[in-house]
Amino acid sequence: MVRESSNTALLAAAARAAHPLVDAEPHVFTDPLAAALLGEQAEELLAYHRLHGDHPVLRGARAQVVVRARHAEARLAESGLRQYILLGAGLDSFAYRNNAGVRVFEVDHAASIESKRARLTAAAIAVPDSVRHVTVDFDADPLAEKLAAAGFDLAEPAFVSWLGVTMYLGEESLRRTLAALAGFAPGTQLVADYFVPPSRLDENAAAVARFSAEHGEPWLSCPTPAEMSALLTAHGFTPRTDLSLREAVDPALWQRTDGFRPNDNARLVHAARAQSV
């Protein structure tokens, strides 16, 4: 059965597009291509953010999306690594804004990649030679083999962005993906976001969880920071930082007059591939 293109990928792109339109400065992250990738749905989605932008659930979701994007791209730039893998790439636009000479491998389900290609074409956004779209069934396909077939160099370290995905995977799928990443070259780095256990959610975050479940994408994995650290360590990764969304960006960005703040449901972990597993 063909998997439908992810609703959350569309909503994340809408959040990135809406942030500079709805929220006051300073802006956490600006994505100049997000609105174009929304295509015909842009007007409706952005109008919704304009109308309901102050709602704490919607505002918190925007904050989560832009914080994780800023954090991941900042860690990528600091790493100096030249291979960049986006696991569950969705409508991420880095590959089409990339001026750093990084080779980008966008990994996702077939339906999501087909949808993105159609959106890129409709928006007249060219796909650079540095970009590869890699179709993967995360529950069945060997990730390393799929990447290698697309030109990924397994002998060289990579930077892996795993955003907006872990919470929708069961523990077996999490472990399978980390086991694949454990086979990558030493020096490989990973940034991932994850949701904390339901017992730790505030009212706004709990509302986000209900919305996601009602739209067919329930949260399946919500580890504690200690559990996430143990999971990474068991697969050869050494955690470097594990931060709340507020901690993940410059504190000056939260010195603001509006109510733009992230909810407390998510954290961002940055880890590096150890020398041996």
Protein backbone atom coordinates (compact mmCIF):
# COMPACT_ATOMS: atom_id res chain seq x y z
CA MET A 1 0.00 0.00 0.00
CA VAL A 2 1.30 3.48 -0.85
CA ARG A 3 1.75 5.71 2.17
CA GLU A 4 0.04 9.09 1.90
CA SER A 5 2.15 12.23 2.00
CA SER A 6 2.54 13.36 5.62
CA ASN A 7 0.09 15.89 7.03
CA THR A 8 2.67 16.96 9.59
CA ALA A 9 5.18 17.82 6.84
CA LEU A 10 2.65 20.21 5.32
CA LEU A 11 1.80 21.75 8.68
CA ALA A 12 5.50 22.17 9.52
CA ALA A 13 6.11 24.02 6.25
CA ALA A 14 3.11 26.23 7.00
CA ALA A 15 4.56 27.02 10.42
CA ARG A 16 7.89 28.04 8.89
CA ALA A 17 6.15 30.21 6.31
CA ALA A 18 3.85 31.83 8.86
CA HIS A 19 6.44 32.66 11.53
CA PRO A 20 7.80 35.90 9.97
CA LEU A 21 4.29 36.91 8.90
CA VAL A 22 2.51 36.36 12.21
CA ASP A 23 5.09 36.64 14.98
CA ALA A 24 6.95 39.78 16.02
CA GLU A 25 10.68 40.24 15.66
CA PRO A 26 13.16 38.89 16.51
CA HIS A 27 12.38 35.99 14.21
CA VAL A 28 13.92 32.66 15.17
CA PHE A 29 14.20 31.30 11.63
CA THR A 30 13.27 32.51 8.17
CA ASP A 31 12.51 30.07 5.37
CA PRO A 32 12.06 32.02 2.10
CA LEU A 33 10.85 28.93 0.20
CA ALA A 34 8.31 27.53 2.65
CA ALA A 35 5.31 29.41 1.28
CA ALA A 36 6.15 28.44 -2.30
CA LEU A 37 6.27 24.76 -1.31
CA LEU A 38 2.77 25.04 0.15
CA GLY A 39 1.53 25.69 -3.38
CA GLU A 40 -2.21 26.15 -3.77
CA GLN A 41 -2.70 25.50 -0.05
CA ALA A 42 -0.54 28.46 0.99
CA GLU A 43 -3.34 31.03 1.10
CA GLU A 44 -5.61 28.88 3.25
CA LEU A 45 -2.90 27.73 5.65
CA LEU A 46 -1.35 31.16 6.13
CA ALA A 47 -4.76 32.76 6.57
CA TYR A 48 -5.44 30.27 9.37
CA HIS A 49 -2.21 31.28 11.13
CA ARG A 50 -3.05 34.96 10.71
CA LEU A 51 -6.53 34.44 12.14
CA HIS A 52 -5.58 32.11 15.00
CA GLY A 53 -1.89 32.96 15.39
CA ASP A 54 -2.16 33.90 19.07
CA HIS A 55 -3.69 30.57 20.06
CA PRO A 56 -1.14 28.97 22.42
CA VAL A 57 -1.25 25.58 20.68
CA LEU A 58 -0.67 27.01 17.20
CA ARG A 59 1.89 29.52 18.44
CA GLY A 60 3.75 26.78 20.30
CA ALA A 61 3.77 24.57 17.22
CA ARG A 62 5.30 27.39 15.16
CA ALA A 63 7.95 27.87 17.81
CA GLN A 64 8.81 24.19 17.87
CA VAL A 65 9.23 23.99 14.10
CA VAL A 66 11.40 27.08 13.70
CA VAL A 67 13.57 26.36 16.74
CA ARG A 68 14.44 22.87 15.58
CA ALA A 69 15.19 24.12 12.05
CA ARG A 70 17.51 26.84 13.32
CA HIS A 71 19.24 24.49 15.74
CA ALA A 72 19.83 21.74 13.17
CA GLU A 73 21.18 24.07 10.50
CA ALA A 74 23.45 25.79 13.03
CA ARG A 75 24.91 22.47 14.19
CA LEU A 76 25.38 21.41 10.56
CA ALA A 77 27.32 24.61 9.81
CA GLU A 78 29.49 24.14 12.89
CA SER A 79 30.24 20.52 12.01
CA GLY A 80 31.92 21.25 8.70
CA LEU A 81 30.57 17.95 7.37
CA ARG A 82 29.87 17.76 3.64
CA GLN A 83 27.18 15.07 3.53
CA TYR A 84 23.78 15.97 4.97
CA ILE A 85 21.01 13.42 5.43
CA LEU A 86 17.46 14.51 6.22
CA LEU A 87 15.54 11.53 7.56
CA GLY A 88 11.89 12.23 6.91
CA ALA A 89 12.74 15.30 4.84
CA GLY A 90 9.14 16.37 4.29
CA LEU A 91 9.03 19.87 2.79
CA ASP A 92 12.33 21.00 4.29
CA SER A 93 13.91 23.57 1.98
CA PHE A 94 17.58 23.58 3.05
CA ALA A 95 18.70 21.72 -0.08
CA TYR A 96 17.31 24.52 -2.25
CA ARG A 97 18.88 27.30 -0.16
CA ASN A 98 22.23 25.52 0.22
CA ASN A 99 25.20 27.70 -0.68
CA ALA A 100 27.73 25.75 1.36
CA GLY A 101 28.52 22.99 -1.13
CA VAL A 102 26.96 20.32 1.07
CA ARG A 103 25.63 17.17 -0.61
CA VAL A 104 22.07 16.66 0.55
CA PHE A 105 20.21 13.34 0.73
CA GLU A 106 16.48 13.82 1.32
CA VAL A 107 15.13 10.53 2.66
CA ASP A 108 11.40 9.89 2.87
CA HIS A 109 8.52 7.62 1.88
CA ALA A 110 7.70 7.43 -1.82
CA ALA A 111 4.46 9.41 -1.58
CA SER A 112 6.15 12.22 0.33
CA ILE A 113 8.97 12.47 -2.21
CA GLU A 114 6.55 12.39 -5.14
CA SER A 115 4.50 15.16 -3.53
CA LYS A 116 7.60 17.26 -2.88
CA ARG A 117 8.86 16.89 -6.44
CA ALA A 118 5.49 18.03 -7.74
CA ARG A 119 5.53 21.04 -5.41
CA LEU A 120 9.08 21.96 -6.45
CA THR A 121 8.07 21.82 -10.10
CA ALA A 122 4.93 23.88 -9.53
CA ALA A 123 6.95 26.51 -7.65
CA ALA A 124 9.67 26.57 -10.35
CA ILE A 125 12.29 25.64 -7.75
CA ALA A 126 15.18 23.84 -9.43
CA VAL A 127 16.67 20.71 -7.86
CA PRO A 128 20.45 21.27 -7.62
CA ASP A 129 22.91 18.58 -8.69
CA SER A 130 23.95 18.34 -5.03
CA VAL A 131 20.54 16.93 -4.03
CA ARG A 132 19.38 13.32 -4.07
CA HIS A 133 15.86 12.15 -3.26
CA VAL A 134 16.04 8.74 -1.59
CA THR A 135 12.84 6.72 -1.35
CA VAL A 136 12.81 4.51 1.75
CA ASP A 137 10.32 2.37 3.61
CA PHE A 138 11.71 2.93 7.11
CA ASP A 139 10.15 -0.32 8.35
CA ALA A 140 11.62 -2.54 5.64
CA ASP A 141 14.41 -1.04 3.53
CA PRO A 142 18.14 -1.11 4.41
CA LEU A 143 18.91 2.58 4.86
CA ALA A 144 22.65 2.38 4.16
CA GLU A 145 22.12 0.47 0.91
CA LYS A 146 19.50 2.93 -0.29
CA LEU A 147 21.78 5.87 0.47
CA ALA A 148 24.81 4.25 -1.15
CA ALA A 149 22.80 3.58 -4.30
CA ALA A 150 22.04 7.32 -4.41
CA GLY A 151 25.72 8.23 -4.21
CA PHE A 152 26.24 8.52 -0.45
CA ASP A 153 29.83 7.81 0.62
CA LEU A 154 29.67 5.40 3.56
CA ALA A 155 33.38 5.93 4.24
CA GLU A 156 32.86 9.63 5.00
CA PRO A 157 31.05 11.00 8.06
CA ALA A 158 27.71 12.72 7.62
CA PHE A 159 25.42 15.06 9.48
CA VAL A 160 21.99 13.54 10.05
CA SER A 161 18.87 15.61 10.73
CA TRP A 162 16.01 13.57 12.19
CA LEU A 163 13.31 16.13 12.91
CA GLY A 164 9.61 15.63 13.38
CA VAL A 165 9.90 11.86 13.00
CA THR A 166 10.89 9.99 16.17
CA MET A 167 7.60 10.59 17.94
CA TYR A 168 5.69 8.80 15.15
CA LEU A 169 7.86 5.66 15.28
CA GLY A 170 7.53 2.69 17.59
CA GLU A 171 10.53 1.58 19.63
CA GLU A 172 11.45 -1.15 17.14
CA SER A 173 11.56 1.35 14.27
CA LEU A 174 13.62 3.76 16.37
CA ARG A 175 16.15 1.05 17.14
CA ARG A 176 16.25 -0.13 13.53
CA THR A 177 17.06 3.36 12.28
CA LEU A 178 19.70 3.98 14.94
CA ALA A 179 21.26 0.60 14.17
CA ALA A 180 21.60 1.70 10.55
CA LEU A 181 23.17 5.01 11.59
CA ALA A 182 25.56 3.14 13.87
CA GLY A 183 27.17 1.71 10.75
CA PHE A 184 28.06 5.15 9.42
CA ALA A 185 31.61 6.49 9.56
CA PRO A 186 33.06 7.75 12.86
CA GLY A 187 32.53 11.47 13.16
CA THR A 188 28.94 11.26 11.95
CA GLN A 189 26.67 13.62 13.90
CA LEU A 190 22.95 13.49 14.59
CA VAL A 191 20.38 16.08 15.62
CA ALA A 192 16.95 14.74 16.53
CA ASP A 193 13.91 16.08 18.29
CA TYR A 194 11.75 13.91 20.51
CA PHE A 195 8.67 14.32 22.66
CA VAL A 196 8.72 13.74 26.39
CA PRO A 197 6.32 11.30 28.14
CA PRO A 198 2.63 12.32 28.26
CA SER A 199 2.82 12.69 32.05
CA ARG A 200 5.18 15.65 31.55
CA LEU A 201 3.01 17.53 29.05
CA ASP A 202 1.41 20.85 29.86
CA GLU A 203 -2.14 21.62 28.71
CA ASN A 204 -1.08 23.10 25.38
CA ALA A 205 1.22 20.21 24.52
CA ALA A 206 -1.48 17.70 25.44
CA ALA A 207 -3.81 19.46 23.00
CA VAL A 208 -1.18 19.11 20.26
CA ALA A 209 -0.93 15.38 21.02
CA ARG A 210 -4.70 14.97 20.69
CA PHE A 211 -4.74 16.89 17.40
CA SER A 212 -1.99 14.71 15.95
CA ALA A 213 -3.75 11.49 16.96
CA GLU A 214 -7.07 12.69 15.55
CA HIS A 215 -5.38 13.36 12.20
CA GLY A 216 -3.89 9.89 11.91
CA GLU A 217 -0.38 10.49 13.26
CA PRO A 218 -0.38 9.58 16.97
CA TRP A 219 2.77 9.90 19.07
CA LEU A 220 4.21 6.42 19.56
CA SER A 221 7.57 7.12 21.23
CA CYS A 222 8.00 9.62 24.07
CA PRO A 223 11.20 8.79 26.01
CA THR A 224 12.64 10.61 28.98
CA PRO A 225 16.01 12.34 28.44
CA ALA A 226 17.70 9.49 30.30
CA GLU A 227 16.01 6.92 28.07
CA MET A 228 16.98 8.82 24.91
CA SER A 229 20.58 9.05 26.11
CA ALA A 230 20.67 5.31 26.79
CA LEU A 231 19.16 4.55 23.38
CA LEU A 232 21.75 6.65 21.57
CA THR A 233 24.64 5.27 23.61
CA ALA A 234 23.54 1.70 22.91
CA HIS A 235 23.88 2.45 19.20
CA GLY A 236 27.31 4.02 19.31
CA PHE A 237 26.37 7.69 19.66
CA THR A 238 27.67 9.95 22.40
CA PRO A 239 25.16 12.66 23.35
CA ARG A 240 26.69 16.14 23.31
CA THR A 241 23.66 18.19 24.32
CA ASP A 242 20.03 17.51 25.18
CA LEU A 243 18.16 20.79 25.33
CA SER A 244 14.68 22.13 25.77
CA LEU A 245 13.45 24.21 22.86
CA ARG A 246 14.06 27.40 24.85
CA GLU A 247 17.64 26.35 25.55
CA ALA A 248 18.37 25.38 21.94
CA VAL A 249 18.65 28.92 20.55
CA ASP A 250 20.11 32.26 21.63
CA PRO A 251 18.34 33.41 24.85
CA ALA A 252 18.03 36.89 23.33
CA LEU A 253 15.39 35.48 20.98
CA TRP A 254 13.06 35.03 23.96
CA GLN A 255 13.43 38.65 25.08
CA ARG A 256 10.30 39.75 23.28
CA THR A 257 7.02 41.56 23.79
CA ASP A 258 4.69 39.01 22.21
CA GLY A 259 3.70 35.63 23.61
CA PHE A 260 5.73 33.60 21.13
CA ARG A 261 7.15 30.69 23.14
CA PRO A 262 7.63 26.95 22.54
CA ASN A 263 5.57 24.39 24.40
CA ASP A 264 7.37 22.06 26.77
CA ASN A 265 6.65 18.82 24.93
CA ALA A 266 9.83 18.55 22.84
CA ARG A 267 13.59 18.38 23.29
CA LEU A 268 16.53 18.46 20.88
CA VAL A 269 19.44 16.06 21.22
CA HIS A 270 22.78 16.42 19.42
CA ALA A 271 25.02 13.34 19.38
CA ALA A 272 28.17 12.15 17.65
CA ARG A 273 29.10 8.72 16.35
CA ALA A 274 31.62 7.10 18.66
CA GLN A 275 34.66 5.24 17.37
CA SER A 276 33.17 1.80 17.97
CA VAL A 277 29.85 0.20 18.81
